[in-house]
Amino acid sequence: MPLKIIPKTFRMAREDQQLGEILKTVAERKKGETVLFPEYAAYTVEGSEKACSALSQAARKAEVSVVTTLNLAAPGLPHAEPGVNYNALFVFSRNGRTHSPQAKITPQSFEMRHLDEAFPRMEVAPYSRLNRVRLRQDGEESDAFFFICSDLYALQLFDGERLKSGALVCPANFGNGAEGAAGQIIDYSVKCGLFGQGFLCNTYQDAKDGATPLTVAAEKIFKQGTKKISYAKDEMDNSVKRSSAVYPDEGYRNFKSMLSLTRNGTFTVPRSRSLENGLQVALGTYGEIVDL
């Protein structure tokens, strides 16, 4: 049975404003639904601690499962370094449980190190595993992989047979222009049968005075078409390479600086997390079943 996941975006803003918008959306959903939000419902440690508590309570109260990421040390994250903060995926289940089965493999340079004093302090560690996650919804089980934003870059590291699963889920905060490239990759990966479904959710920004917005909303569900498309690893790898821009870590000190790359239709990957720099990612599993 296909997963029923509803992508819902939020406006990129101060953490309290983001959280308020997310909580309002959760409260308005129907009981039993699963909502996918973009990454970083909160991006600082302090904001993430507040959001974690609020989202857990909201999910239970509304009986709605919530998926997003937070800047926290994630309990239960396979092979996580104790006490280390990641841009970690959180699933707040409507049954009251909280799971963290994945973390971001390719955090941006300014996420890993505080390079610009005017930018919020994040300082998350990169994660070096891609975990298959078993999901249960309405009594039916399915498996999925969660690619957090630019983690789509890691698709190059694995043969298709090792990734074949029920769904690819991508909570994201792609810079303006990159969301389209990401959508094309997900669309191909679903239509060629690598994943049964695809889900993409990206933030948006209200730009002022005609300025270019930093991010553009995306709430997309990808399904297999009636026409069969064959999977080809070379085609997948070439598509990811065309769609990604590897940059020197110290050269891009904040999110705004990324627009010069993303407006070209490419998502960004810091050189320190690139194949050229020896990126290695282990394929693993999350040991618990996540109820949606």
C-alpha atoms as a PDB file:
ATOM      1  CA  MET A   1       0.000   0.000   0.000  1.00  0.00           C
ATOM      2  CA  PRO A   2       1.439   3.439  -0.901  1.00  0.00           C
ATOM      3  CA  LEU A   3       2.448   5.700   1.963  1.00  0.00           C
ATOM      4  CA  LYS A   4       0.171   8.646   2.644  1.00  0.00           C
ATOM      5  CA  ILE A   5       2.492  11.526   3.471  1.00  0.00           C
ATOM      6  CA  ILE A   6       1.443  15.158   3.024  1.00  0.00           C
ATOM      7  CA  PRO A   7       4.260  17.674   2.283  1.00  0.00           C
ATOM      8  CA  LYS A   8       3.532  21.071   3.874  1.00  0.00           C
ATOM      9  CA  THR A   9       5.984  23.937   3.652  1.00  0.00           C
ATOM     10  CA  PHE A  10       6.665  26.825   6.031  1.00  0.00           C
ATOM     11  CA  ARG A  11       8.165  30.279   5.600  1.00  0.00           C
ATOM     12  CA  MET A  12      11.890  30.550   6.334  1.00  0.00           C
ATOM     13  CA  ALA A  13      11.968  33.019   9.225  1.00  0.00           C
ATOM     14  CA  ARG A  14      12.908  33.402  12.878  1.00  0.00           C
ATOM     15  CA  GLU A  15      12.558  30.147  14.788  1.00  0.00           C
ATOM     16  CA  ASP A  16       9.575  31.273  16.855  1.00  0.00           C
ATOM     17  CA  GLN A  17       7.718  32.278  13.697  1.00  0.00           C
ATOM     18  CA  GLN A  18       8.529  29.010  11.944  1.00  0.00           C
ATOM     19  CA  LEU A  19       7.401  26.974  14.937  1.00  0.00           C
ATOM     20  CA  GLY A  20       4.160  28.941  15.217  1.00  0.00           C
ATOM     21  CA  GLU A  21       3.353  28.271  11.559  1.00  0.00           C
ATOM     22  CA  ILE A  22       4.173  24.567  11.891  1.00  0.00           C
ATOM     23  CA  LEU A  23       2.067  24.147  15.032  1.00  0.00           C
ATOM     24  CA  LYS A  24      -0.881  25.874  13.337  1.00  0.00           C
ATOM     25  CA  THR A  25      -0.593  23.532  10.352  1.00  0.00           C
ATOM     26  CA  VAL A  26      -0.448  20.449  12.601  1.00  0.00           C
ATOM     27  CA  ALA A  27      -3.508  21.565  14.565  1.00  0.00           C
ATOM     28  CA  GLU A  28      -5.478  21.961  11.316  1.00  0.00           C
ATOM     29  CA  ARG A  29      -4.707  18.470   9.951  1.00  0.00           C
ATOM     30  CA  LYS A  30      -7.063  15.504  10.213  1.00  0.00           C
ATOM     31  CA  LYS A  31      -6.441  12.781  12.777  1.00  0.00           C
ATOM     32  CA  GLY A  32      -4.250   9.985  11.480  1.00  0.00           C
ATOM     33  CA  GLU A  33      -2.429  12.072   8.846  1.00  0.00           C
ATOM     34  CA  THR A  34       1.352  12.233   8.414  1.00  0.00           C
ATOM     35  CA  VAL A  35       2.831  15.625   7.555  1.00  0.00           C
ATOM     36  CA  LEU A  36       6.298  16.133   6.058  1.00  0.00           C
ATOM     37  CA  PHE A  37       7.803  19.554   6.752  1.00  0.00           C
ATOM     38  CA  PRO A  38      11.076  20.952   5.351  1.00  0.00           C
ATOM     39  CA  GLU A  39      14.314  20.495   7.262  1.00  0.00           C
ATOM     40  CA  TYR A  40      15.166  22.653  10.255  1.00  0.00           C
ATOM     41  CA  ALA A  41      11.857  23.346  11.947  1.00  0.00           C
ATOM     42  CA  ALA A  42      14.421  24.955  14.256  1.00  0.00           C
ATOM     43  CA  TYR A  43      18.101  25.474  13.504  1.00  0.00           C
ATOM     44  CA  THR A  44      19.768  26.583  16.759  1.00  0.00           C
ATOM     45  CA  VAL A  45      20.183  24.283  19.742  1.00  0.00           C
ATOM     46  CA  GLU A  46      17.953  26.440  21.939  1.00  0.00           C
ATOM     47  CA  GLY A  47      15.249  26.693  19.309  1.00  0.00           C
ATOM     48  CA  SER A  48      15.445  22.971  18.582  1.00  0.00           C
ATOM     49  CA  GLU A  49      14.984  22.032  22.234  1.00  0.00           C
ATOM     50  CA  LYS A  50      11.856  24.168  22.373  1.00  0.00           C
ATOM     51  CA  ALA A  51      10.558  22.832  19.048  1.00  0.00           C
ATOM     52  CA  CYS A  52      11.177  19.206  20.016  1.00  0.00           C
ATOM     53  CA  SER A  53       8.975  19.509  23.093  1.00  0.00           C
ATOM     54  CA  ALA A  54       6.276  21.513  21.305  1.00  0.00           C
ATOM     55  CA  LEU A  55       6.102  19.212  18.258  1.00  0.00           C
ATOM     56  CA  SER A  56       5.913  16.089  20.403  1.00  0.00           C
ATOM     57  CA  GLN A  57       2.974  17.525  22.326  1.00  0.00           C
ATOM     58  CA  ALA A  58       1.274  18.830  19.188  1.00  0.00           C
ATOM     59  CA  ALA A  59       1.563  15.493  17.399  1.00  0.00           C
ATOM     60  CA  ARG A  60      -0.041  13.646  20.315  1.00  0.00           C
ATOM     61  CA  LYS A  61      -2.795  16.217  20.764  1.00  0.00           C
ATOM     62  CA  ALA A  62      -3.760  16.366  17.086  1.00  0.00           C
ATOM     63  CA  GLU A  63      -3.068  12.638  16.547  1.00  0.00           C
ATOM     64  CA  VAL A  64      -0.957  13.628  13.554  1.00  0.00           C
ATOM     65  CA  SER A  65       2.554  12.333  12.784  1.00  0.00           C
ATOM     66  CA  VAL A  66       5.133  15.042  12.043  1.00  0.00           C
ATOM     67  CA  VAL A  67       8.435  14.717  10.137  1.00  0.00           C
ATOM     68  CA  THR A  68      11.142  17.412  10.102  1.00  0.00           C
ATOM     69  CA  THR A  69      14.733  17.946  11.305  1.00  0.00           C
ATOM     70  CA  LEU A  70      16.228  19.667  14.347  1.00  0.00           C
ATOM     71  CA  ASN A  71      19.689  20.656  15.582  1.00  0.00           C
ATOM     72  CA  LEU A  72      20.006  18.169  18.439  1.00  0.00           C
ATOM     73  CA  ALA A  73      21.854  15.173  19.746  1.00  0.00           C
ATOM     74  CA  ALA A  74      19.425  12.517  18.585  1.00  0.00           C
ATOM     75  CA  PRO A  75      18.621   9.597  20.900  1.00  0.00           C
ATOM     76  CA  GLY A  76      18.472   6.296  19.061  1.00  0.00           C
ATOM     77  CA  LEU A  77      20.278   7.560  15.951  1.00  0.00           C
ATOM     78  CA  PRO A  78      22.359   4.562  14.797  1.00  0.00           C
ATOM     79  CA  HIS A  79      26.100   4.955  15.456  1.00  0.00           C
ATOM     80  CA  ALA A  80      25.733   8.587  16.529  1.00  0.00           C
ATOM     81  CA  GLU A  81      28.572  10.130  18.524  1.00  0.00           C
ATOM     82  CA  PRO A  82      27.357  10.604  22.122  1.00  0.00           C
ATOM     83  CA  GLY A  83      26.470  14.194  22.914  1.00  0.00           C
ATOM     84  CA  VAL A  84      27.117  15.383  19.356  1.00  0.00           C
ATOM     85  CA  ASN A  85      24.512  17.511  17.600  1.00  0.00           C
ATOM     86  CA  TYR A  86      23.424  16.652  14.068  1.00  0.00           C
ATOM     87  CA  ASN A  87      20.902  18.071  11.649  1.00  0.00           C
ATOM     88  CA  ALA A  88      18.827  15.092  12.693  1.00  0.00           C
ATOM     89  CA  LEU A  89      15.572  13.778  11.290  1.00  0.00           C
ATOM     90  CA  PHE A  90      12.770  13.555  13.846  1.00  0.00           C
ATOM     91  CA  VAL A  91       9.512  11.673  13.451  1.00  0.00           C
ATOM     92  CA  PHE A  92       6.977  12.701  16.100  1.00  0.00           C
ATOM     93  CA  SER A  93       4.440   9.917  15.912  1.00  0.00           C
ATOM     94  CA  ARG A  94       0.780  10.459  16.651  1.00  0.00           C
ATOM     95  CA  ASN A  95       1.082   7.586  19.159  1.00  0.00           C
ATOM     96  CA  GLY A  96       3.394   9.682  21.338  1.00  0.00           C
ATOM     97  CA  ARG A  97       6.729   8.149  20.350  1.00  0.00           C
ATOM     98  CA  THR A  98       9.660  10.088  18.902  1.00  0.00           C
ATOM     99  CA  HIS A  99      12.156   8.536  16.467  1.00  0.00           C
ATOM    100  CA  SER A 100      15.392   9.854  14.986  1.00  0.00           C
ATOM    101  CA  PRO A 101      16.459   7.342  12.311  1.00  0.00           C
ATOM    102  CA  GLN A 102      18.673   9.556  10.097  1.00  0.00           C
ATOM    103  CA  ALA A 103      20.845  12.696  10.128  1.00  0.00           C
ATOM    104  CA  LYS A 104      22.227  14.923   7.404  1.00  0.00           C
ATOM    105  CA  ILE A 105      25.220  13.528   5.532  1.00  0.00           C
ATOM    106  CA  THR A 106      26.110  16.722   3.646  1.00  0.00           C
ATOM    107  CA  PRO A 107      25.580  19.695   5.974  1.00  0.00           C
ATOM    108  CA  GLN A 108      26.680  22.983   4.458  1.00  0.00           C
ATOM    109  CA  SER A 109      29.950  24.587   5.557  1.00  0.00           C
ATOM    110  CA  PHE A 110      28.165  27.257   7.610  1.00  0.00           C
ATOM    111  CA  GLU A 111      26.038  24.569   9.296  1.00  0.00           C
ATOM    112  CA  MET A 112      29.155  22.732  10.474  1.00  0.00           C
ATOM    113  CA  ARG A 113      31.172  25.811  11.498  1.00  0.00           C
ATOM    114  CA  HIS A 114      30.045  29.280  12.500  1.00  0.00           C
ATOM    115  CA  LEU A 115      31.640  31.225   9.654  1.00  0.00           C
ATOM    116  CA  ASP A 116      29.529  34.399   9.762  1.00  0.00           C
ATOM    117  CA  GLU A 117      28.730  36.144  13.054  1.00  0.00           C
ATOM    118  CA  ALA A 118      25.579  37.632  11.519  1.00  0.00           C
ATOM    119  CA  PHE A 119      24.249  34.141  10.744  1.00  0.00           C
ATOM    120  CA  PRO A 120      22.612  31.872  13.392  1.00  0.00           C
ATOM    121  CA  ARG A 121      25.001  29.510  15.189  1.00  0.00           C
ATOM    122  CA  MET A 122      24.297  25.899  14.183  1.00  0.00           C
ATOM    123  CA  GLU A 123      27.521  23.851  14.356  1.00  0.00           C
ATOM    124  CA  VAL A 124      26.133  20.416  13.526  1.00  0.00           C
ATOM    125  CA  ALA A 125      28.335  17.412  12.803  1.00  0.00           C
ATOM    126  CA  PRO A 126      28.103  15.501   9.510  1.00  0.00           C
ATOM    127  CA  TYR A 127      26.641  11.983   9.633  1.00  0.00           C
ATOM    128  CA  SER A 128      28.146   9.139   7.628  1.00  0.00           C
ATOM    129  CA  ARG A 129      25.346   6.599   7.367  1.00  0.00           C
ATOM    130  CA  LEU A 130      22.268   6.160   5.186  1.00  0.00           C
ATOM    131  CA  ASN A 131      19.705   4.105   7.079  1.00  0.00           C
ATOM    132  CA  ARG A 132      16.829   2.061   5.709  1.00  0.00           C
ATOM    133  CA  VAL A 133      13.801   2.852   7.856  1.00  0.00           C
ATOM    134  CA  ARG A 134      10.827   0.541   8.358  1.00  0.00           C
ATOM    135  CA  LEU A 135       7.541   2.475   8.459  1.00  0.00           C
ATOM    136  CA  ARG A 136       4.115   1.245   9.540  1.00  0.00           C
ATOM    137  CA  GLN A 137       0.935   3.065   8.536  1.00  0.00           C
ATOM    138  CA  ASP A 138      -2.618   1.806   8.923  1.00  0.00           C
ATOM    139  CA  GLY A 139      -1.275  -1.645   9.780  1.00  0.00           C
ATOM    140  CA  GLU A 140       0.800  -1.916   6.580  1.00  0.00           C
ATOM    141  CA  GLU A 141       4.613  -1.871   6.577  1.00  0.00           C
ATOM    142  CA  SER A 142       6.920  -0.252   4.042  1.00  0.00           C
ATOM    143  CA  ASP A 143      10.565   0.823   3.953  1.00  0.00           C
ATOM    144  CA  ALA A 144      12.043   4.189   3.052  1.00  0.00           C
ATOM    145  CA  PHE A 145      15.222   6.235   2.904  1.00  0.00           C
ATOM    146  CA  PHE A 146      15.354   9.819   4.135  1.00  0.00           C
ATOM    147  CA  PHE A 147      17.635  12.108   2.138  1.00  0.00           C
ATOM    148  CA  ILE A 148      17.904  15.419   3.966  1.00  0.00           C
ATOM    149  CA  CYS A 149      18.186  18.176   1.347  1.00  0.00           C
ATOM    150  CA  SER A 150      21.573  17.919  -0.447  1.00  0.00           C
ATOM    151  CA  ASP A 151      22.003  14.318   0.756  1.00  0.00           C
ATOM    152  CA  LEU A 152      20.637  13.402  -2.684  1.00  0.00           C
ATOM    153  CA  TYR A 153      24.312  13.769  -3.626  1.00  0.00           C
ATOM    154  CA  ALA A 154      24.917  10.424  -1.866  1.00  0.00           C
ATOM    155  CA  LEU A 155      22.822   8.568  -4.453  1.00  0.00           C
ATOM    156  CA  GLN A 156      26.061   8.220  -6.437  1.00  0.00           C
ATOM    157  CA  LEU A 157      27.615   6.067  -3.735  1.00  0.00           C
ATOM    158  CA  PHE A 158      25.331   3.053  -4.054  1.00  0.00           C
ATOM    159  CA  ASP A 159      24.147   0.603  -6.642  1.00  0.00           C
ATOM    160  CA  GLY A 160      20.419   0.790  -7.203  1.00  0.00           C
ATOM    161  CA  GLU A 161      19.664  -2.686  -5.894  1.00  0.00           C
ATOM    162  CA  ARG A 162      20.970  -1.687  -2.465  1.00  0.00           C
ATOM    163  CA  LEU A 163      18.647   1.318  -2.309  1.00  0.00           C
ATOM    164  CA  LYS A 164      15.488  -0.152  -3.801  1.00  0.00           C
ATOM    165  CA  SER A 165      12.660   0.581  -1.378  1.00  0.00           C
ATOM    166  CA  GLY A 166       9.154   1.885  -0.954  1.00  0.00           C
ATOM    167  CA  ALA A 167       9.923   5.600  -0.745  1.00  0.00           C
ATOM    168  CA  LEU A 168      12.470   8.399  -0.896  1.00  0.00           C
ATOM    169  CA  VAL A 169      11.595  11.209   1.525  1.00  0.00           C
ATOM    170  CA  CYS A 170      13.379  14.564   1.212  1.00  0.00           C
ATOM    171  CA  PRO A 171      12.799  17.313   3.808  1.00  0.00           C
ATOM    172  CA  ALA A 172      14.780  20.236   2.409  1.00  0.00           C
ATOM    173  CA  ASN A 173      15.840  23.854   2.531  1.00  0.00           C
ATOM    174  CA  PHE A 174      17.261  24.137  -0.977  1.00  0.00           C
ATOM    175  CA  GLY A 175      18.370  27.570  -2.128  1.00  0.00           C
ATOM    176  CA  ASN A 176      16.349  29.177  -4.909  1.00  0.00           C
ATOM    177  CA  GLY A 177      16.746  27.116  -8.086  1.00  0.00           C
ATOM    178  CA  ALA A 178      18.069  23.949  -6.500  1.00  0.00           C
ATOM    179  CA  GLU A 179      14.616  22.599  -5.642  1.00  0.00           C
ATOM    180  CA  GLY A 180      13.944  22.016  -9.344  1.00  0.00           C
ATOM    181  CA  ALA A 181      17.133  20.004  -9.832  1.00  0.00           C
ATOM    182  CA  ALA A 182      16.305  17.934  -6.750  1.00  0.00           C
ATOM    183  CA  GLY A 183      12.802  17.280  -8.056  1.00  0.00           C
ATOM    184  CA  GLN A 184      14.141  15.982 -11.357  1.00  0.00           C
ATOM    185  CA  ILE A 185      16.440  13.524  -9.581  1.00  0.00           C
ATOM    186  CA  ILE A 186      13.648  12.267  -7.328  1.00  0.00           C
ATOM    187  CA  ASP A 187      11.264  12.013 -10.281  1.00  0.00           C
ATOM    188  CA  TYR A 188      13.713   9.838 -12.228  1.00  0.00           C
ATOM    189  CA  SER A 189      14.504   7.668  -9.203  1.00  0.00           C
ATOM    190  CA  VAL A 190      10.786   6.925  -8.763  1.00  0.00           C
ATOM    191  CA  LYS A 191       9.855   6.469 -12.421  1.00  0.00           C
ATOM    192  CA  CYS A 192      12.703   4.001 -12.963  1.00  0.00           C
ATOM    193  CA  GLY A 193      11.468   1.933 -10.005  1.00  0.00           C
ATOM    194  CA  LEU A 194      14.322   2.582  -7.584  1.00  0.00           C
ATOM    195  CA  PHE A 195      11.777   3.956  -5.111  1.00  0.00           C
ATOM    196  CA  GLY A 196       8.055   3.305  -5.119  1.00  0.00           C
ATOM    197  CA  GLN A 197       7.245   6.920  -4.230  1.00  0.00           C
ATOM    198  CA  GLY A 198       9.033  10.212  -3.658  1.00  0.00           C
ATOM    199  CA  PHE A 199       8.263  13.128  -1.353  1.00  0.00           C
ATOM    200  CA  LEU A 200       9.897  16.576  -1.463  1.00  0.00           C
ATOM    201  CA  CYS A 201       9.187  19.520   0.807  1.00  0.00           C
ATOM    202  CA  ASN A 202      11.069  22.836   0.626  1.00  0.00           C
ATOM    203  CA  THR A 203      10.787  26.132   2.508  1.00  0.00           C
ATOM    204  CA  TYR A 204       9.865  29.475   0.990  1.00  0.00           C
ATOM    205  CA  GLN A 205      10.856  33.065   1.706  1.00  0.00           C
ATOM    206  CA  ASP A 206       8.838  36.240   1.304  1.00  0.00           C
ATOM    207  CA  ALA A 207      11.380  38.534  -0.324  1.00  0.00           C
ATOM    208  CA  LYS A 208      10.986  42.281   0.064  1.00  0.00           C
ATOM    209  CA  ASP A 209      11.307  45.104  -2.467  1.00  0.00           C
ATOM    210  CA  GLY A 210      11.594  42.805  -5.467  1.00  0.00           C
ATOM    211  CA  ALA A 211      14.623  40.948  -4.117  1.00  0.00           C
ATOM    212  CA  THR A 212      15.225  37.357  -5.172  1.00  0.00           C
ATOM    213  CA  PRO A 213      13.825  35.002  -2.499  1.00  0.00           C
ATOM    214  CA  LEU A 214      16.385  32.731  -0.864  1.00  0.00           C
ATOM    215  CA  THR A 215      14.090  29.716  -1.137  1.00  0.00           C
ATOM    216  CA  VAL A 216      11.073  28.668  -3.215  1.00  0.00           C
ATOM    217  CA  ALA A 217       8.269  26.474  -1.888  1.00  0.00           C
ATOM    218  CA  ALA A 218       7.953  22.855  -2.974  1.00  0.00           C
ATOM    219  CA  GLU A 219       5.324  20.376  -1.813  1.00  0.00           C
ATOM    220  CA  LYS A 220       5.646  17.480  -4.208  1.00  0.00           C
ATOM    221  CA  ILE A 221       4.673  13.812  -4.336  1.00  0.00           C
ATOM    222  CA  PHE A 222       6.285  11.678  -7.047  1.00  0.00           C
ATOM    223  CA  LYS A 223       4.624   8.516  -8.349  1.00  0.00           C
ATOM    224  CA  GLN A 224       5.573   5.864 -10.856  1.00  0.00           C
ATOM    225  CA  GLY A 225       4.140   6.520 -14.306  1.00  0.00           C
ATOM    226  CA  THR A 226       2.418   4.148 -16.686  1.00  0.00           C
ATOM    227  CA  LYS A 227       5.457   4.162 -18.988  1.00  0.00           C
ATOM    228  CA  LYS A 228       8.328   1.963 -17.815  1.00  0.00           C
ATOM    229  CA  ILE A 229      11.717   3.679 -17.494  1.00  0.00           C
ATOM    230  CA  SER A 230      14.818   1.558 -16.958  1.00  0.00           C
ATOM    231  CA  TYR A 231      17.206   2.383 -14.145  1.00  0.00           C
ATOM    232  CA  ALA A 232      20.755   3.120 -15.244  1.00  0.00           C
ATOM    233  CA  LYS A 233      23.394   3.926 -12.647  1.00  0.00           C
ATOM    234  CA  ASP A 234      25.402   5.977 -15.136  1.00  0.00           C
ATOM    235  CA  GLU A 235      22.373   8.106 -15.889  1.00  0.00           C
ATOM    236  CA  MET A 236      21.646   8.582 -12.175  1.00  0.00           C
ATOM    237  CA  ASP A 237      25.261   9.491 -11.393  1.00  0.00           C
ATOM    238  CA  ASN A 238      25.479  11.948 -14.276  1.00  0.00           C
ATOM    239  CA  SER A 239      22.203  13.564 -13.257  1.00  0.00           C
ATOM    240  CA  VAL A 240      23.415  14.044  -9.679  1.00  0.00           C
ATOM    241  CA  LYS A 241      26.748  15.447 -10.871  1.00  0.00           C
ATOM    242  CA  ARG A 242      25.012  17.928 -13.196  1.00  0.00           C
ATOM    243  CA  SER A 243      22.656  18.944 -10.426  1.00  0.00           C
ATOM    244  CA  SER A 244      25.220  19.490  -7.660  1.00  0.00           C
ATOM    245  CA  ALA A 245      27.852  22.181  -7.150  1.00  0.00           C
ATOM    246  CA  VAL A 246      30.828  21.303  -4.949  1.00  0.00           C
ATOM    247  CA  TYR A 247      32.289  24.421  -3.352  1.00  0.00           C
ATOM    248  CA  PRO A 248      35.272  25.315  -1.118  1.00  0.00           C
ATOM    249  CA  ASP A 249      34.057  25.309   2.477  1.00  0.00           C
ATOM    250  CA  GLU A 250      35.549  28.651   3.437  1.00  0.00           C
ATOM    251  CA  GLY A 251      34.324  30.359   0.263  1.00  0.00           C
ATOM    252  CA  TYR A 252      30.619  30.418   1.168  1.00  0.00           C
ATOM    253  CA  ARG A 253      30.044  31.699   4.669  1.00  0.00           C
ATOM    254  CA  ASN A 254      26.249  31.890   4.887  1.00  0.00           C
ATOM    255  CA  PHE A 255      23.053  30.715   3.199  1.00  0.00           C
ATOM    256  CA  LYS A 256      22.627  33.881   1.146  1.00  0.00           C
ATOM    257  CA  SER A 257      26.003  33.384  -0.543  1.00  0.00           C
ATOM    258  CA  MET A 258      24.739  30.073  -1.947  1.00  0.00           C
ATOM    259  CA  LEU A 259      22.344  31.820  -4.338  1.00  0.00           C
ATOM    260  CA  SER A 260      25.172  32.340  -6.842  1.00  0.00           C
ATOM    261  CA  LEU A 261      25.271  28.520  -7.153  1.00  0.00           C
ATOM    262  CA  THR A 262      21.659  27.470  -6.662  1.00  0.00           C
ATOM    263  CA  ARG A 263      20.300  29.950  -9.209  1.00  0.00           C
ATOM    264  CA  ASN A 264      22.189  27.881 -11.782  1.00  0.00           C
ATOM    265  CA  GLY A 265      19.881  24.979 -10.972  1.00  0.00           C
ATOM    266  CA  THR A 266      22.339  23.145  -8.727  1.00  0.00           C
ATOM    267  CA  PHE A 267      22.207  22.168  -5.065  1.00  0.00           C
ATOM    268  CA  THR A 268      25.326  22.751  -3.002  1.00  0.00           C
ATOM    269  CA  VAL A 269      27.762  20.354  -1.345  1.00  0.00           C
ATOM    270  CA  PRO A 270      30.834  21.498   0.634  1.00  0.00           C
ATOM    271  CA  ARG A 271      34.120  20.100  -0.621  1.00  0.00           C
ATOM    272  CA  SER A 272      34.781  18.513   2.771  1.00  0.00           C
ATOM    273  CA  ARG A 273      31.712  16.273   2.169  1.00  0.00           C
ATOM    274  CA  SER A 274      32.390  15.507  -1.487  1.00  0.00           C
ATOM    275  CA  LEU A 275      33.399  12.383  -3.384  1.00  0.00           C
ATOM    276  CA  GLU A 276      36.593  14.177  -4.407  1.00  0.00           C
ATOM    277  CA  ASN A 277      37.465  14.526  -0.745  1.00  0.00           C
ATOM    278  CA  GLY A 278      36.835  10.828  -0.065  1.00  0.00           C
ATOM    279  CA  LEU A 279      33.239  10.918   1.210  1.00  0.00           C
ATOM    280  CA  GLN A 280      32.250   7.506   2.551  1.00  0.00           C
ATOM    281  CA  VAL A 281      28.747   6.606   3.662  1.00  0.00           C
ATOM    282  CA  ALA A 282      27.795   3.263   5.197  1.00  0.00           C
ATOM    283  CA  LEU A 283      24.432   1.738   4.357  1.00  0.00           C
ATOM    284  CA  GLY A 284      22.603   0.711   7.509  1.00  0.00           C
ATOM    285  CA  THR A 285      19.199   0.179   9.076  1.00  0.00           C
ATOM    286  CA  TYR A 286      17.173   1.795  11.817  1.00  0.00           C
ATOM    287  CA  GLY A 287      16.328  -0.915  14.314  1.00  0.00           C
ATOM    288  CA  GLU A 288      12.794   0.110  15.247  1.00  0.00           C
ATOM    289  CA  ILE A 289       9.553   0.237  13.283  1.00  0.00           C
ATOM    290  CA  VAL A 290       8.313   3.821  12.996  1.00  0.00           C
ATOM    291  CA  ASP A 291       4.543   4.138  13.326  1.00  0.00           C
ATOM    292  CA  LEU A 292       3.054   6.923  11.239  1.00  0.00           C
END
